[in-house]
Amino acid sequence: MSEYVKADAGWVAIESDPEFGAEAHRVRFFEVDERGVRPLVKDMDGVMVEPGRHTTDVIRASGLDAVRITALRELIRLAGRATTQKQMDGIAEAQALIMRGPGG
């Protein structure tokens, strides 16, 4: 028998899809049963489901930190596809900007 526990604010599942990029999904509930604990997010139809198979992290973070982590995951994906030094330099500049944050 499963028990459902409402997730505290700040829980996100970060998905890093090699084809479509990175995105964060707000964790709404945790499902607890004899198999363990699983996060649940709302899908496009409003149904509570486990995050996708490309989920790399389930963390509790501020909104800004979740955005930073998602952006950095996307830069990792882009770095794997970069073919020129100019592209790599642009990725490094974007990474520095993300880490500095607003007003940095």
N, C-alpha and C. Protein backbone atom coordinates (compact mmCIF):
# COMPACT_ATOMS: atom_id res chain seq x y z
N MET A 1 0.84 -1.18 0.00
CA MET A 1 0.00 0.00 0.00
C MET A 1 0.89 1.24 0.00
N SER A 2 0.63 2.15 -0.90
CA SER A 2 1.42 3.37 -1.00
C SER A 2 0.86 4.46 -0.11
N GLU A 3 1.77 5.27 0.37
CA GLU A 3 1.41 6.48 1.12
C GLU A 3 1.96 7.65 0.31
N TYR A 4 1.21 8.73 0.27
CA TYR A 4 1.64 9.91 -0.48
C TYR A 4 1.87 11.05 0.49
N VAL A 5 3.05 11.68 0.37
CA VAL A 5 3.44 12.77 1.25
C VAL A 5 3.66 14.00 0.38
N LYS A 6 3.02 15.10 0.74
CA LYS A 6 3.19 16.35 -0.01
C LYS A 6 4.64 16.82 0.13
N ALA A 7 5.24 17.17 -0.98
CA ALA A 7 6.63 17.64 -0.99
C ALA A 7 6.70 19.07 -0.47
N ASP A 8 7.69 19.34 0.36
CA ASP A 8 7.92 20.71 0.80
C ASP A 8 8.35 21.56 -0.39
N ALA A 9 8.22 22.85 -0.26
CA ALA A 9 8.62 23.78 -1.33
C ALA A 9 10.10 23.59 -1.65
N GLY A 10 10.43 23.71 -2.91
CA GLY A 10 11.82 23.68 -3.34
C GLY A 10 12.30 22.36 -3.92
N TRP A 11 11.53 21.29 -3.80
CA TRP A 11 11.95 20.01 -4.37
C TRP A 11 11.74 20.03 -5.89
N VAL A 12 12.77 19.66 -6.64
CA VAL A 12 12.70 19.61 -8.09
C VAL A 12 13.38 18.35 -8.62
N ALA A 13 12.88 17.88 -9.75
CA ALA A 13 13.51 16.78 -10.48
C ALA A 13 14.13 17.40 -11.73
N ILE A 14 15.42 17.24 -11.88
CA ILE A 14 16.13 17.82 -13.03
C ILE A 14 16.36 16.72 -14.05
N GLU A 15 15.89 17.00 -15.26
CA GLU A 15 15.96 16.04 -16.36
C GLU A 15 16.99 16.54 -17.36
N SER A 16 17.88 15.67 -17.80
CA SER A 16 18.91 16.02 -18.79
C SER A 16 18.77 15.08 -19.99
N ASP A 17 17.92 15.47 -20.90
CA ASP A 17 17.68 14.66 -22.10
C ASP A 17 18.73 15.01 -23.15
N PRO A 18 19.49 14.02 -23.64
CA PRO A 18 20.55 14.32 -24.60
C PRO A 18 20.04 14.94 -25.90
N GLU A 19 18.80 14.68 -26.24
CA GLU A 19 18.26 15.22 -27.49
C GLU A 19 17.54 16.55 -27.29
N PHE A 20 16.77 16.67 -26.20
CA PHE A 20 15.91 17.85 -26.03
C PHE A 20 16.40 18.83 -24.98
N GLY A 21 17.48 18.53 -24.28
CA GLY A 21 18.04 19.47 -23.32
C GLY A 21 17.60 19.21 -21.90
N ALA A 22 17.89 20.19 -21.05
CA ALA A 22 17.64 20.06 -19.62
C ALA A 22 16.43 20.89 -19.21
N GLU A 23 15.72 20.39 -18.20
CA GLU A 23 14.62 21.14 -17.62
C GLU A 23 14.36 20.65 -16.20
N ALA A 24 13.74 21.51 -15.41
CA ALA A 24 13.41 21.17 -14.02
C ALA A 24 11.90 21.03 -13.90
N HIS A 25 11.48 20.05 -13.11
CA HIS A 25 10.06 19.82 -12.85
C HIS A 25 9.84 19.87 -11.34
N ARG A 26 8.86 20.61 -10.92
CA ARG A 26 8.56 20.71 -9.49
C ARG A 26 8.01 19.38 -8.97
N VAL A 27 8.61 18.87 -7.91
CA VAL A 27 8.12 17.65 -7.27
C VAL A 27 6.94 18.06 -6.39
N ARG A 28 5.79 17.44 -6.62
CA ARG A 28 4.57 17.78 -5.88
C ARG A 28 4.36 16.87 -4.67
N PHE A 29 4.64 15.56 -4.87
CA PHE A 29 4.44 14.56 -3.82
C PHE A 29 5.57 13.55 -3.86
N PHE A 30 5.72 12.81 -2.76
CA PHE A 30 6.58 11.64 -2.73
C PHE A 30 5.69 10.44 -2.46
N GLU A 31 5.90 9.38 -3.22
CA GLU A 31 5.18 8.13 -3.00
C GLU A 31 6.08 7.21 -2.17
N VAL A 32 5.57 6.73 -1.05
CA VAL A 32 6.34 5.87 -0.15
C VAL A 32 5.65 4.51 -0.06
N ASP A 33 6.39 3.45 -0.35
CA ASP A 33 5.85 2.10 -0.20
C ASP A 33 6.99 1.14 0.11
N GLU A 34 6.73 -0.15 0.05
CA GLU A 34 7.74 -1.14 0.41
C GLU A 34 8.94 -1.12 -0.54
N ARG A 35 8.81 -0.54 -1.72
CA ARG A 35 9.92 -0.45 -2.67
C ARG A 35 10.80 0.77 -2.45
N GLY A 36 10.35 1.72 -1.63
CA GLY A 36 11.15 2.91 -1.35
C GLY A 36 10.35 4.19 -1.52
N VAL A 37 11.08 5.27 -1.83
CA VAL A 37 10.49 6.60 -1.98
C VAL A 37 10.70 7.07 -3.41
N ARG A 38 9.64 7.53 -4.04
CA ARG A 38 9.72 8.04 -5.41
C ARG A 38 9.07 9.41 -5.50
N PRO A 39 9.73 10.34 -6.19
CA PRO A 39 9.12 11.66 -6.38
C PRO A 39 8.03 11.58 -7.44
N LEU A 40 7.04 12.46 -7.33
CA LEU A 40 5.98 12.55 -8.33
C LEU A 40 5.87 13.98 -8.82
N VAL A 41 5.77 14.12 -10.13
CA VAL A 41 5.61 15.44 -10.77
C VAL A 41 4.32 15.41 -11.59
N LYS A 42 3.84 16.57 -11.96
CA LYS A 42 2.62 16.65 -12.76
C LYS A 42 2.99 16.63 -14.24
N ASP A 43 2.35 15.73 -15.00
CA ASP A 43 2.64 15.68 -16.44
C ASP A 43 1.76 16.70 -17.19
N MET A 44 1.85 16.69 -18.51
CA MET A 44 1.13 17.68 -19.33
C MET A 44 -0.38 17.56 -19.20
N ASP A 45 -0.86 16.37 -18.82
CA ASP A 45 -2.30 16.16 -18.65
C ASP A 45 -2.76 16.41 -17.22
N GLY A 46 -1.83 16.81 -16.34
CA GLY A 46 -2.19 17.07 -14.95
C GLY A 46 -2.19 15.83 -14.07
N VAL A 47 -1.66 14.73 -14.59
CA VAL A 47 -1.61 13.47 -13.85
C VAL A 47 -0.27 13.41 -13.10
N MET A 48 -0.29 12.92 -11.86
CA MET A 48 0.93 12.78 -11.08
C MET A 48 1.68 11.52 -11.52
N VAL A 49 2.92 11.69 -11.96
CA VAL A 49 3.73 10.59 -12.47
C VAL A 49 5.16 10.71 -11.94
N GLU A 50 5.91 9.61 -12.05
CA GLU A 50 7.34 9.67 -11.72
C GLU A 50 8.03 10.50 -12.81
N PRO A 51 9.12 11.20 -12.45
CA PRO A 51 9.85 11.96 -13.48
C PRO A 51 10.35 11.03 -14.58
N GLY A 52 10.70 11.61 -15.72
CA GLY A 52 11.14 10.85 -16.88
C GLY A 52 12.43 10.07 -16.67
N ARG A 53 12.74 9.22 -17.64
CA ARG A 53 13.91 8.34 -17.51
C ARG A 53 15.23 9.09 -17.61
N HIS A 54 15.21 10.34 -18.05
CA HIS A 54 16.43 11.13 -18.15
C HIS A 54 16.67 11.98 -16.90
N THR A 55 15.91 11.72 -15.84
CA THR A 55 16.08 12.48 -14.60
C THR A 55 17.43 12.15 -13.99
N THR A 56 18.22 13.19 -13.73
CA THR A 56 19.56 13.01 -13.18
C THR A 56 19.63 13.35 -11.70
N ASP A 57 18.77 14.25 -11.24
CA ASP A 57 18.83 14.71 -9.85
C ASP A 57 17.43 14.97 -9.33
N VAL A 58 17.20 14.66 -8.07
CA VAL A 58 16.01 15.10 -7.35
C VAL A 58 16.57 15.79 -6.11
N ILE A 59 16.41 17.11 -6.08
CA ILE A 59 17.05 17.90 -5.04
C ILE A 59 16.09 18.93 -4.47
N ARG A 60 16.47 19.50 -3.36
CA ARG A 60 15.74 20.63 -2.80
C ARG A 60 16.64 21.84 -2.98
N ALA A 61 16.15 22.82 -3.72
CA ALA A 61 16.96 23.98 -4.06
C ALA A 61 16.08 25.22 -4.18
N SER A 62 16.71 26.37 -4.03
CA SER A 62 15.97 27.61 -4.29
C SER A 62 15.66 27.67 -5.78
N GLY A 63 14.73 28.52 -6.14
CA GLY A 63 14.38 28.65 -7.55
C GLY A 63 15.57 29.02 -8.41
N LEU A 64 16.39 29.95 -7.92
CA LEU A 64 17.57 30.38 -8.68
C LEU A 64 18.58 29.24 -8.82
N ASP A 65 18.79 28.49 -7.75
CA ASP A 65 19.74 27.37 -7.84
C ASP A 65 19.24 26.29 -8.79
N ALA A 66 17.95 26.02 -8.79
CA ALA A 66 17.39 25.03 -9.72
C ALA A 66 17.59 25.48 -11.16
N VAL A 67 17.40 26.77 -11.42
CA VAL A 67 17.62 27.31 -12.76
C VAL A 67 19.10 27.20 -13.13
N ARG A 68 19.98 27.51 -12.19
CA ARG A 68 21.42 27.41 -12.45
C ARG A 68 21.82 25.97 -12.80
N ILE A 69 21.37 25.03 -12.01
CA ILE A 69 21.73 23.63 -12.24
C ILE A 69 21.21 23.17 -13.60
N THR A 70 19.99 23.54 -13.92
CA THR A 70 19.41 23.17 -15.22
C THR A 70 20.21 23.80 -16.36
N ALA A 71 20.56 25.06 -16.22
CA ALA A 71 21.34 25.74 -17.27
C ALA A 71 22.72 25.10 -17.42
N LEU A 72 23.35 24.75 -16.32
CA LEU A 72 24.67 24.12 -16.40
C LEU A 72 24.57 22.73 -17.04
N ARG A 73 23.51 21.99 -16.75
CA ARG A 73 23.30 20.70 -17.41
C ARG A 73 23.15 20.89 -18.92
N GLU A 74 22.46 21.94 -19.31
CA GLU A 74 22.30 22.23 -20.74
C GLU A 74 23.65 22.58 -21.37
N LEU A 75 24.48 23.33 -20.66
CA LEU A 75 25.80 23.66 -21.19
C LEU A 75 26.67 22.41 -21.34
N ILE A 76 26.54 21.46 -20.43
CA ILE A 76 27.28 20.20 -20.56
C ILE A 76 26.86 19.49 -21.85
N ARG A 77 25.55 19.49 -22.10
CA ARG A 77 25.04 18.86 -23.33
C ARG A 77 25.61 19.56 -24.57
N LEU A 78 25.61 20.89 -24.54
CA LEU A 78 26.13 21.65 -25.68
C LEU A 78 27.63 21.44 -25.86
N ALA A 79 28.36 21.34 -24.76
CA ALA A 79 29.81 21.13 -24.85
C ALA A 79 30.12 19.79 -25.53
N GLY A 80 29.27 18.81 -25.30
CA GLY A 80 29.46 17.51 -25.95
C GLY A 80 29.24 17.56 -27.45
N ARG A 81 28.56 18.60 -27.91
CA ARG A 81 28.26 18.73 -29.34
C ARG A 81 29.12 19.80 -30.01
N ALA A 82 29.89 20.56 -29.23
CA ALA A 82 30.71 21.65 -29.78
C ALA A 82 31.81 21.08 -30.68
N THR A 83 32.08 21.80 -31.77
CA THR A 83 33.11 21.33 -32.71
C THR A 83 34.21 22.36 -32.94
N THR A 84 34.04 23.57 -32.44
CA THR A 84 35.06 24.60 -32.65
C THR A 84 35.46 25.22 -31.32
N GLN A 85 36.63 25.83 -31.33
CA GLN A 85 37.10 26.52 -30.12
C GLN A 85 36.20 27.71 -29.79
N LYS A 86 35.67 28.37 -30.82
CA LYS A 86 34.77 29.50 -30.60
C LYS A 86 33.51 29.04 -29.84
N GLN A 87 32.98 27.90 -30.20
CA GLN A 87 31.82 27.36 -29.49
C GLN A 87 32.17 27.04 -28.04
N MET A 88 33.33 26.43 -27.82
CA MET A 88 33.76 26.10 -26.45
C MET A 88 33.97 27.38 -25.63
N ASP A 89 34.53 28.41 -26.24
CA ASP A 89 34.73 29.67 -25.54
C ASP A 89 33.38 30.29 -25.16
N GLY A 90 32.40 30.21 -26.05
CA GLY A 90 31.06 30.72 -25.75
C GLY A 90 30.41 29.97 -24.60
N ILE A 91 30.61 28.67 -24.56
CA ILE A 91 30.07 27.85 -23.47
C ILE A 91 30.73 28.24 -22.15
N ALA A 92 32.05 28.46 -22.17
CA ALA A 92 32.76 28.86 -20.95
C ALA A 92 32.27 30.23 -20.46
N GLU A 93 32.03 31.15 -21.38
CA GLU A 93 31.51 32.47 -21.00
C GLU A 93 30.11 32.35 -20.39
N ALA A 94 29.28 31.53 -20.98
CA ALA A 94 27.93 31.33 -20.45
C ALA A 94 27.99 30.71 -19.05
N GLN A 95 28.89 29.75 -18.86
CA GLN A 95 29.05 29.11 -17.55
C GLN A 95 29.45 30.14 -16.50
N ALA A 96 30.39 31.01 -16.84
CA ALA A 96 30.83 32.04 -15.88
C ALA A 96 29.68 32.99 -15.55
N LEU A 97 28.89 33.34 -16.53
CA LEU A 97 27.75 34.24 -16.30
C LEU A 97 26.71 33.57 -15.38
N ILE A 98 26.44 32.30 -15.62
CA ILE A 98 25.48 31.57 -14.77
C ILE A 98 25.96 31.52 -13.32
N MET A 99 27.24 31.25 -13.14
CA MET A 99 27.79 31.14 -11.78
C MET A 99 27.81 32.48 -11.06
N ARG A 100 28.03 33.58 -11.78
CA ARG A 100 28.01 34.91 -11.16
C ARG A 100 26.61 35.29 -10.69
N GLY A 101 25.62 34.93 -11.48
CA GLY A 101 24.24 35.21 -11.11
C GLY A 101 23.85 36.66 -11.37
N PRO A 102 22.62 37.03 -10.96
CA PRO A 102 22.12 38.38 -11.20
C PRO A 102 22.96 39.41 -10.46
N GLY A 103 23.27 40.48 -11.16
CA GLY A 103 24.01 41.58 -10.55
C GLY A 103 25.48 41.26 -10.35
N GLY A 104 25.96 40.11 -10.85
CA GLY A 104 27.35 39.69 -10.64
C GLY A 104 28.23 40.24 -11.64
